[in-house]
Amino acid sequence: MLERITIVPGLMSGKPTIRGLRFPAGDVLELLASGLSEVEILEQHPLLEKEDIQAALLYASLKMKNTLVIHAA
């Protein structure tokens, strides 16, 4: 699943993208966070596949597990 998330130097400033396309994985997460359903995202962005959305979620989840959050007092 994670092979769908690619980081290519020079493509989208090295941000993680979907299958090497000019579609950042973060944009998929933002679309979900804005309230769009998986079906709506796929309708609006036909180059994406259901597995791309799942891969973006998995990638974000794994990144969060390796992130330290420091709350300022």
PDB file of N, CA and C in Angstrom:
ATOM      1  N   MET A   1       0.827  -1.193   0.000  1.00  0.00           N
ATOM      2  CA  MET A   1       0.000   0.000   0.000  1.00  0.00           C
ATOM      3  C   MET A   1       0.872   1.258   0.000  1.00  0.00           C
ATOM      4  N   LEU A   2       1.906   1.277   0.807  1.00  0.00           N
ATOM      5  CA  LEU A   2       2.727   2.481   0.915  1.00  0.00           C
ATOM      6  C   LEU A   2       3.538   2.777  -0.348  1.00  0.00           C
ATOM      7  N   GLU A   3       3.646   1.800  -1.253  1.00  0.00           N
ATOM      8  CA  GLU A   3       4.376   2.073  -2.496  1.00  0.00           C
ATOM      9  C   GLU A   3       3.624   3.093  -3.355  1.00  0.00           C
ATOM     10  N   ARG A   4       2.376   3.364  -3.036  1.00  0.00           N
ATOM     11  CA  ARG A   4       1.597   4.379  -3.755  1.00  0.00           C
ATOM     12  C   ARG A   4       2.025   5.789  -3.361  1.00  0.00           C
ATOM     13  N   ILE A   5       2.675   5.922  -2.218  1.00  0.00           N
ATOM     14  CA  ILE A   5       3.156   7.224  -1.767  1.00  0.00           C
ATOM     15  C   ILE A   5       4.623   7.334  -2.174  1.00  0.00           C
ATOM     16  N   THR A   6       4.910   8.321  -2.999  1.00  0.00           N
ATOM     17  CA  THR A   6       6.273   8.464  -3.514  1.00  0.00           C
ATOM     18  C   THR A   6       6.824   9.838  -3.176  1.00  0.00           C
ATOM     19  N   ILE A   7       8.126   9.869  -2.957  1.00  0.00           N
ATOM     20  CA  ILE A   7       8.829  11.132  -2.743  1.00  0.00           C
ATOM     21  C   ILE A   7       9.899  11.221  -3.816  1.00  0.00           C
ATOM     22  N   VAL A   8       9.710  12.174  -4.713  1.00  0.00           N
ATOM     23  CA  VAL A   8      10.616  12.351  -5.842  1.00  0.00           C
ATOM     24  C   VAL A   8      11.248  13.732  -5.719  1.00  0.00           C
ATOM     25  N   PRO A   9      12.577  13.803  -5.525  1.00  0.00           N
ATOM     26  CA  PRO A   9      13.213  15.110  -5.454  1.00  0.00           C
ATOM     27  C   PRO A   9      12.881  15.941  -6.700  1.00  0.00           C
ATOM     28  N   GLY A  10      12.504  17.182  -6.476  1.00  0.00           N
ATOM     29  CA  GLY A  10      12.174  18.059  -7.589  1.00  0.00           C
ATOM     30  C   GLY A  10      10.710  18.029  -7.997  1.00  0.00           C
ATOM     31  N   LEU A  11       9.961  17.049  -7.520  1.00  0.00           N
ATOM     32  CA  LEU A  11       8.532  16.973  -7.823  1.00  0.00           C
ATOM     33  C   LEU A  11       7.758  17.471  -6.610  1.00  0.00           C
ATOM     34  N   MET A  12       7.017  18.528  -6.783  1.00  0.00           N
ATOM     35  CA  MET A  12       6.216  19.118  -5.711  1.00  0.00           C
ATOM     36  C   MET A  12       7.089  19.437  -4.485  1.00  0.00           C
ATOM     37  N   SER A  13       8.271  19.936  -4.748  1.00  0.00           N
ATOM     38  CA  SER A  13       9.229  20.321  -3.697  1.00  0.00           C
ATOM     39  C   SER A  13       9.602  19.167  -2.780  1.00  0.00           C
ATOM     40  N   GLY A  14       9.549  17.947  -3.303  1.00  0.00           N
ATOM     41  CA  GLY A  14       9.924  16.776  -2.523  1.00  0.00           C
ATOM     42  C   GLY A  14       8.862  16.293  -1.559  1.00  0.00           C
ATOM     43  N   LYS A  15       7.643  16.848  -1.662  1.00  0.00           N
ATOM     44  CA  LYS A  15       6.549  16.395  -0.792  1.00  0.00           C
ATOM     45  C   LYS A  15       6.091  15.004  -1.219  1.00  0.00           C
ATOM     46  N   PRO A  16       5.559  14.228  -0.274  1.00  0.00           N
ATOM     47  CA  PRO A  16       5.000  12.922  -0.641  1.00  0.00           C
ATOM     48  C   PRO A  16       3.829  13.108  -1.603  1.00  0.00           C
ATOM     49  N   THR A  17       3.854  12.363  -2.683  1.00  0.00           N
ATOM     50  CA  THR A  17       2.794  12.458  -3.683  1.00  0.00           C
ATOM     51  C   THR A  17       2.170  11.090  -3.917  1.00  0.00           C
ATOM     52  N   ILE A  18       1.061  11.110  -4.608  1.00  0.00           N
ATOM     53  CA  ILE A  18       0.361   9.883  -4.968  1.00  0.00           C
ATOM     54  C   ILE A  18       0.942   9.345  -6.269  1.00  0.00           C
ATOM     55  N   ARG A  19       1.538   8.176  -6.208  1.00  0.00           N
ATOM     56  CA  ARG A  19       2.063   7.458  -7.379  1.00  0.00           C
ATOM     57  C   ARG A  19       2.933   8.316  -8.290  1.00  0.00           C
ATOM     58  N   GLY A  20       3.694   9.252  -7.730  1.00  0.00           N
ATOM     59  CA  GLY A  20       4.586  10.081  -8.540  1.00  0.00           C
ATOM     60  C   GLY A  20       3.863  11.124  -9.374  1.00  0.00           C
ATOM     61  N   LEU A  21       2.582  11.290  -9.129  1.00  0.00           N
ATOM     62  CA  LEU A  21       1.803  12.300  -9.843  1.00  0.00           C
ATOM     63  C   LEU A  21       1.956  13.644  -9.140  1.00  0.00           C
ATOM     64  N   ARG A  22       1.505  14.686  -9.764  1.00  0.00           N
ATOM     65  CA  ARG A  22       1.537  16.003  -9.136  1.00  0.00           C
ATOM     66  C   ARG A  22       0.312  16.180  -8.241  1.00  0.00           C
ATOM     67  N   PHE A  23       0.146  15.243  -7.340  1.00  0.00           N
ATOM     68  CA  PHE A  23      -0.975  15.259  -6.398  1.00  0.00           C
ATOM     69  C   PHE A  23      -0.423  14.889  -5.020  1.00  0.00           C
ATOM     70  N   PRO A  24      -0.151  15.895  -4.182  1.00  0.00           N
ATOM     71  CA  PRO A  24       0.410  15.616  -2.856  1.00  0.00           C
ATOM     72  C   PRO A  24      -0.528  14.782  -1.986  1.00  0.00           C
ATOM     73  N   ALA A  25       0.061  13.882  -1.228  1.00  0.00           N
ATOM     74  CA  ALA A  25      -0.721  13.061  -0.309  1.00  0.00           C
ATOM     75  C   ALA A  25      -1.442  13.948   0.706  1.00  0.00           C
ATOM     76  N   GLY A  26      -0.828  15.046   1.081  1.00  0.00           N
ATOM     77  CA  GLY A  26      -1.450  15.981   2.021  1.00  0.00           C
ATOM     78  C   GLY A  26      -2.740  16.573   1.492  1.00  0.00           C
ATOM     79  N   ASP A  27      -2.829  16.748   0.179  1.00  0.00           N
ATOM     80  CA  ASP A  27      -4.062  17.277  -0.409  1.00  0.00           C
ATOM     81  C   ASP A  27      -5.216  16.292  -0.232  1.00  0.00           C
ATOM     82  N   VAL A  28      -4.920  15.010  -0.318  1.00  0.00           N
ATOM     83  CA  VAL A  28      -5.951  13.998  -0.098  1.00  0.00           C
ATOM     84  C   VAL A  28      -6.467  14.107   1.334  1.00  0.00           C
ATOM     85  N   LEU A  29      -5.564  14.284   2.276  1.00  0.00           N
ATOM     86  CA  LEU A  29      -5.958  14.408   3.678  1.00  0.00           C
ATOM     87  C   LEU A  29      -6.795  15.665   3.903  1.00  0.00           C
ATOM     88  N   GLU A  30      -6.412  16.760   3.257  1.00  0.00           N
ATOM     89  CA  GLU A  30      -7.180  18.000   3.388  1.00  0.00           C
ATOM     90  C   GLU A  30      -8.585  17.846   2.824  1.00  0.00           C
ATOM     91  N   LEU A  31      -8.710  17.147   1.718  1.00  0.00           N
ATOM     92  CA  LEU A  31     -10.037  16.918   1.134  1.00  0.00           C
ATOM     93  C   LEU A  31     -10.914  16.116   2.088  1.00  0.00           C
ATOM     94  N   LEU A  32     -10.336  15.092   2.707  1.00  0.00           N
ATOM     95  CA  LEU A  32     -11.083  14.301   3.684  1.00  0.00           C
ATOM     96  C   LEU A  32     -11.457  15.155   4.894  1.00  0.00           C
ATOM     97  N   ALA A  33     -10.516  15.959   5.357  1.00  0.00           N
ATOM     98  CA  ALA A  33     -10.768  16.812   6.525  1.00  0.00           C
ATOM     99  C   ALA A  33     -11.820  17.876   6.243  1.00  0.00           C
ATOM    100  N   SER A  34     -11.939  18.279   4.995  1.00  0.00           N
ATOM    101  CA  SER A  34     -12.941  19.285   4.640  1.00  0.00           C
ATOM    102  C   SER A  34     -14.348  18.705   4.580  1.00  0.00           C
ATOM    103  N   GLY A  35     -14.447  17.380   4.723  1.00  0.00           N
ATOM    104  CA  GLY A  35     -15.751  16.751   4.765  1.00  0.00           C
ATOM    105  C   GLY A  35     -16.147  15.989   3.512  1.00  0.00           C
ATOM    106  N   LEU A  36     -15.263  15.990   2.502  1.00  0.00           N
ATOM    107  CA  LEU A  36     -15.582  15.232   1.299  1.00  0.00           C
ATOM    108  C   LEU A  36     -15.489  13.739   1.578  1.00  0.00           C
ATOM    109  N   SER A  37     -16.385  12.988   0.994  1.00  0.00           N
ATOM    110  CA  SER A  37     -16.333  11.537   1.131  1.00  0.00           C
ATOM    111  C   SER A  37     -15.326  10.972   0.131  1.00  0.00           C
ATOM    112  N   GLU A  38     -14.989   9.726   0.333  1.00  0.00           N
ATOM    113  CA  GLU A  38     -14.084   9.045  -0.599  1.00  0.00           C
ATOM    114  C   GLU A  38     -14.663   9.074  -2.017  1.00  0.00           C
ATOM    115  N   VAL A  39     -15.953   8.826  -2.127  1.00  0.00           N
ATOM    116  CA  VAL A  39     -16.619   8.821  -3.436  1.00  0.00           C
ATOM    117  C   VAL A  39     -16.538  10.201  -4.089  1.00  0.00           C
ATOM    118  N   GLU A  40     -16.781  11.251  -3.309  1.00  0.00           N
ATOM    119  CA  GLU A  40     -16.720  12.615  -3.848  1.00  0.00           C
ATOM    120  C   GLU A  40     -15.316  12.965  -4.325  1.00  0.00           C
ATOM    121  N   ILE A  41     -14.319  12.555  -3.560  1.00  0.00           N
ATOM    122  CA  ILE A  41     -12.926  12.825  -3.953  1.00  0.00           C
ATOM    123  C   ILE A  41     -12.611  12.121  -5.268  1.00  0.00           C
ATOM    124  N   LEU A  42     -13.012  10.872  -5.372  1.00  0.00           N
ATOM    125  CA  LEU A  42     -12.737  10.113  -6.594  1.00  0.00           C
ATOM    126  C   LEU A  42     -13.492  10.694  -7.792  1.00  0.00           C
ATOM    127  N   GLU A  43     -14.679  11.201  -7.572  1.00  0.00           N
ATOM    128  CA  GLU A  43     -15.432  11.829  -8.664  1.00  0.00           C
ATOM    129  C   GLU A  43     -14.770  13.125  -9.116  1.00  0.00           C
ATOM    130  N   GLN A  44     -14.281  13.914  -8.161  1.00  0.00           N
ATOM    131  CA  GLN A  44     -13.682  15.207  -8.473  1.00  0.00           C
ATOM    132  C   GLN A  44     -12.265  15.082  -9.013  1.00  0.00           C
ATOM    133  N   HIS A  45     -11.599  13.991  -8.689  1.00  0.00           N
ATOM    134  CA  HIS A  45     -10.198  13.789  -9.090  1.00  0.00           C
ATOM    135  C   HIS A  45     -10.053  12.391  -9.691  1.00  0.00           C
ATOM    136  N   PRO A  46     -10.460  12.230 -10.951  1.00  0.00           N
ATOM    137  CA  PRO A  46     -10.509  10.901 -11.567  1.00  0.00           C
ATOM    138  C   PRO A  46      -9.150  10.199 -11.686  1.00  0.00           C
ATOM    139  N   LEU A  47      -8.048  10.920 -11.550  1.00  0.00           N
ATOM    140  CA  LEU A  47      -6.753  10.249 -11.624  1.00  0.00           C
ATOM    141  C   LEU A  47      -6.447   9.474 -10.352  1.00  0.00           C
ATOM    142  N   LEU A  48      -7.189   9.760  -9.274  1.00  0.00           N
ATOM    143  CA  LEU A  48      -6.996   9.035  -8.022  1.00  0.00           C
ATOM    144  C   LEU A  48      -7.782   7.732  -8.014  1.00  0.00           C
ATOM    145  N   GLU A  49      -7.278   6.794  -7.231  1.00  0.00           N
ATOM    146  CA  GLU A  49      -7.939   5.512  -7.025  1.00  0.00           C
ATOM    147  C   GLU A  49      -8.220   5.344  -5.534  1.00  0.00           C
ATOM    148  N   LYS A  50      -9.180   4.496  -5.221  1.00  0.00           N
ATOM    149  CA  LYS A  50      -9.557   4.260  -3.822  1.00  0.00           C
ATOM    150  C   LYS A  50      -8.329   3.924  -2.969  1.00  0.00           C
ATOM    151  N   GLU A  51      -7.454   3.109  -3.509  1.00  0.00           N
ATOM    152  CA  GLU A  51      -6.249   2.697  -2.772  1.00  0.00           C
ATOM    153  C   GLU A  51      -5.318   3.876  -2.493  1.00  0.00           C
ATOM    154  N   ASP A  52      -5.366   4.908  -3.327  1.00  0.00           N
ATOM    155  CA  ASP A  52      -4.541   6.103  -3.097  1.00  0.00           C
ATOM    156  C   ASP A  52      -4.984   6.818  -1.823  1.00  0.00           C
ATOM    157  N   ILE A  53      -6.286   6.894  -1.625  1.00  0.00           N
ATOM    158  CA  ILE A  53      -6.817   7.543  -0.418  1.00  0.00           C
ATOM    159  C   ILE A  53      -6.430   6.739   0.811  1.00  0.00           C
ATOM    160  N   GLN A  54      -6.565   5.426   0.735  1.00  0.00           N
ATOM    161  CA  GLN A  54      -6.182   4.564   1.854  1.00  0.00           C
ATOM    162  C   GLN A  54      -4.687   4.680   2.146  1.00  0.00           C
ATOM    163  N   ALA A  55      -3.875   4.768   1.098  1.00  0.00           N
ATOM    164  CA  ALA A  55      -2.429   4.895   1.280  1.00  0.00           C
ATOM    165  C   ALA A  55      -2.067   6.222   1.938  1.00  0.00           C
ATOM    166  N   ALA A  56      -2.750   7.301   1.558  1.00  0.00           N
ATOM    167  CA  ALA A  56      -2.486   8.600   2.169  1.00  0.00           C
ATOM    168  C   ALA A  56      -2.817   8.579   3.658  1.00  0.00           C
ATOM    169  N   LEU A  57      -3.917   7.935   4.007  1.00  0.00           N
ATOM    170  CA  LEU A  57      -4.286   7.816   5.418  1.00  0.00           C
ATOM    171  C   LEU A  57      -3.281   6.973   6.199  1.00  0.00           C
ATOM    172  N   LEU A  58      -2.862   5.872   5.617  1.00  0.00           N
ATOM    173  CA  LEU A  58      -1.881   5.021   6.278  1.00  0.00           C
ATOM    174  C   LEU A  58      -0.557   5.754   6.455  1.00  0.00           C
ATOM    175  N   TYR A  59      -0.115   6.452   5.415  1.00  0.00           N
ATOM    176  CA  TYR A  59       1.139   7.207   5.477  1.00  0.00           C
ATOM    177  C   TYR A  59       1.074   8.255   6.590  1.00  0.00           C
ATOM    178  N   ALA A  60      -0.032   8.993   6.656  1.00  0.00           N
ATOM    179  CA  ALA A  60      -0.186  10.016   7.688  1.00  0.00           C
ATOM    180  C   ALA A  60      -0.190   9.393   9.079  1.00  0.00           C
ATOM    181  N   SER A  61      -0.849   8.266   9.222  1.00  0.00           N
ATOM    182  CA  SER A  61      -0.898   7.583  10.503  1.00  0.00           C
ATOM    183  C   SER A  61       0.495   7.160  10.959  1.00  0.00           C
ATOM    184  N   LEU A  62       1.253   6.607  10.052  1.00  0.00           N
ATOM    185  CA  LEU A  62       2.610   6.173  10.402  1.00  0.00           C
ATOM    186  C   LEU A  62       3.501   7.358  10.729  1.00  0.00           C
ATOM    187  N   LYS A  63       3.336   8.453  10.020  1.00  0.00           N
ATOM    188  CA  LYS A  63       4.119   9.664  10.303  1.00  0.00           C
ATOM    189  C   LYS A  63       3.776  10.212  11.679  1.00  0.00           C
ATOM    190  N   MET A  64       2.498  10.187  12.035  1.00  0.00           N
ATOM    191  CA  MET A  64       2.078  10.687  13.345  1.00  0.00           C
ATOM    192  C   MET A  64       2.661   9.856  14.482  1.00  0.00           C
ATOM    193  N   LYS A  65       2.832   8.581  14.263  1.00  0.00           N
ATOM    194  CA  LYS A  65       3.400   7.720  15.294  1.00  0.00           C
ATOM    195  C   LYS A  65       4.865   8.072  15.555  1.00  0.00           C
ATOM    196  N   ASN A  66       5.492   8.700  14.597  1.00  0.00           N
ATOM    197  CA  ASN A  66       6.903   9.079  14.722  1.00  0.00           C
ATOM    198  C   ASN A  66       7.078  10.577  14.918  1.00  0.00           C
ATOM    199  N   THR A  67       6.036  11.246  15.423  1.00  0.00           N
ATOM    200  CA  THR A  67       6.077  12.683  15.620  1.00  0.00           C
ATOM    201  C   THR A  67       5.938  13.012  17.086  1.00  0.00           C
ATOM    202  N   LEU A  68       6.787  13.910  17.543  1.00  0.00           N
ATOM    203  CA  LEU A  68       6.726  14.382  18.924  1.00  0.00           C
ATOM    204  C   LEU A  68       6.057  15.748  18.899  1.00  0.00           C
ATOM    205  N   VAL A  69       4.996  15.911  19.668  1.00  0.00           N
ATOM    206  CA  VAL A  69       4.293  17.180  19.737  1.00  0.00           C
ATOM    207  C   VAL A  69       4.619  17.823  21.081  1.00  0.00           C
ATOM    208  N   ILE A  70       5.101  19.064  21.037  1.00  0.00           N
ATOM    209  CA  ILE A  70       5.443  19.790  22.250  1.00  0.00           C
ATOM    210  C   ILE A  70       4.459  20.952  22.382  1.00  0.00           C
ATOM    211  N   HIS A  71       3.737  20.970  23.485  1.00  0.00           N
ATOM    212  CA  HIS A  71       2.775  22.044  23.725  1.00  0.00           C
ATOM    213  C   HIS A  71       3.465  23.147  24.532  1.00  0.00           C
ATOM    214  N   ALA A  72       3.394  24.370  24.021  1.00  0.00           N
ATOM    215  CA  ALA A  72       4.002  25.494  24.725  1.00  0.00           C
ATOM    216  C   ALA A  72       3.115  25.892  25.916  1.00  0.00           C
ATOM    217  N   ALA A  73       3.759  26.244  27.009  1.00  0.00           N
ATOM    218  CA  ALA A  73       2.997  26.640  28.205  1.00  0.00           C
ATOM    219  C   ALA A  73       2.685  28.110  28.187  1.00  0.00           C
TER     220      ALA A  73
END
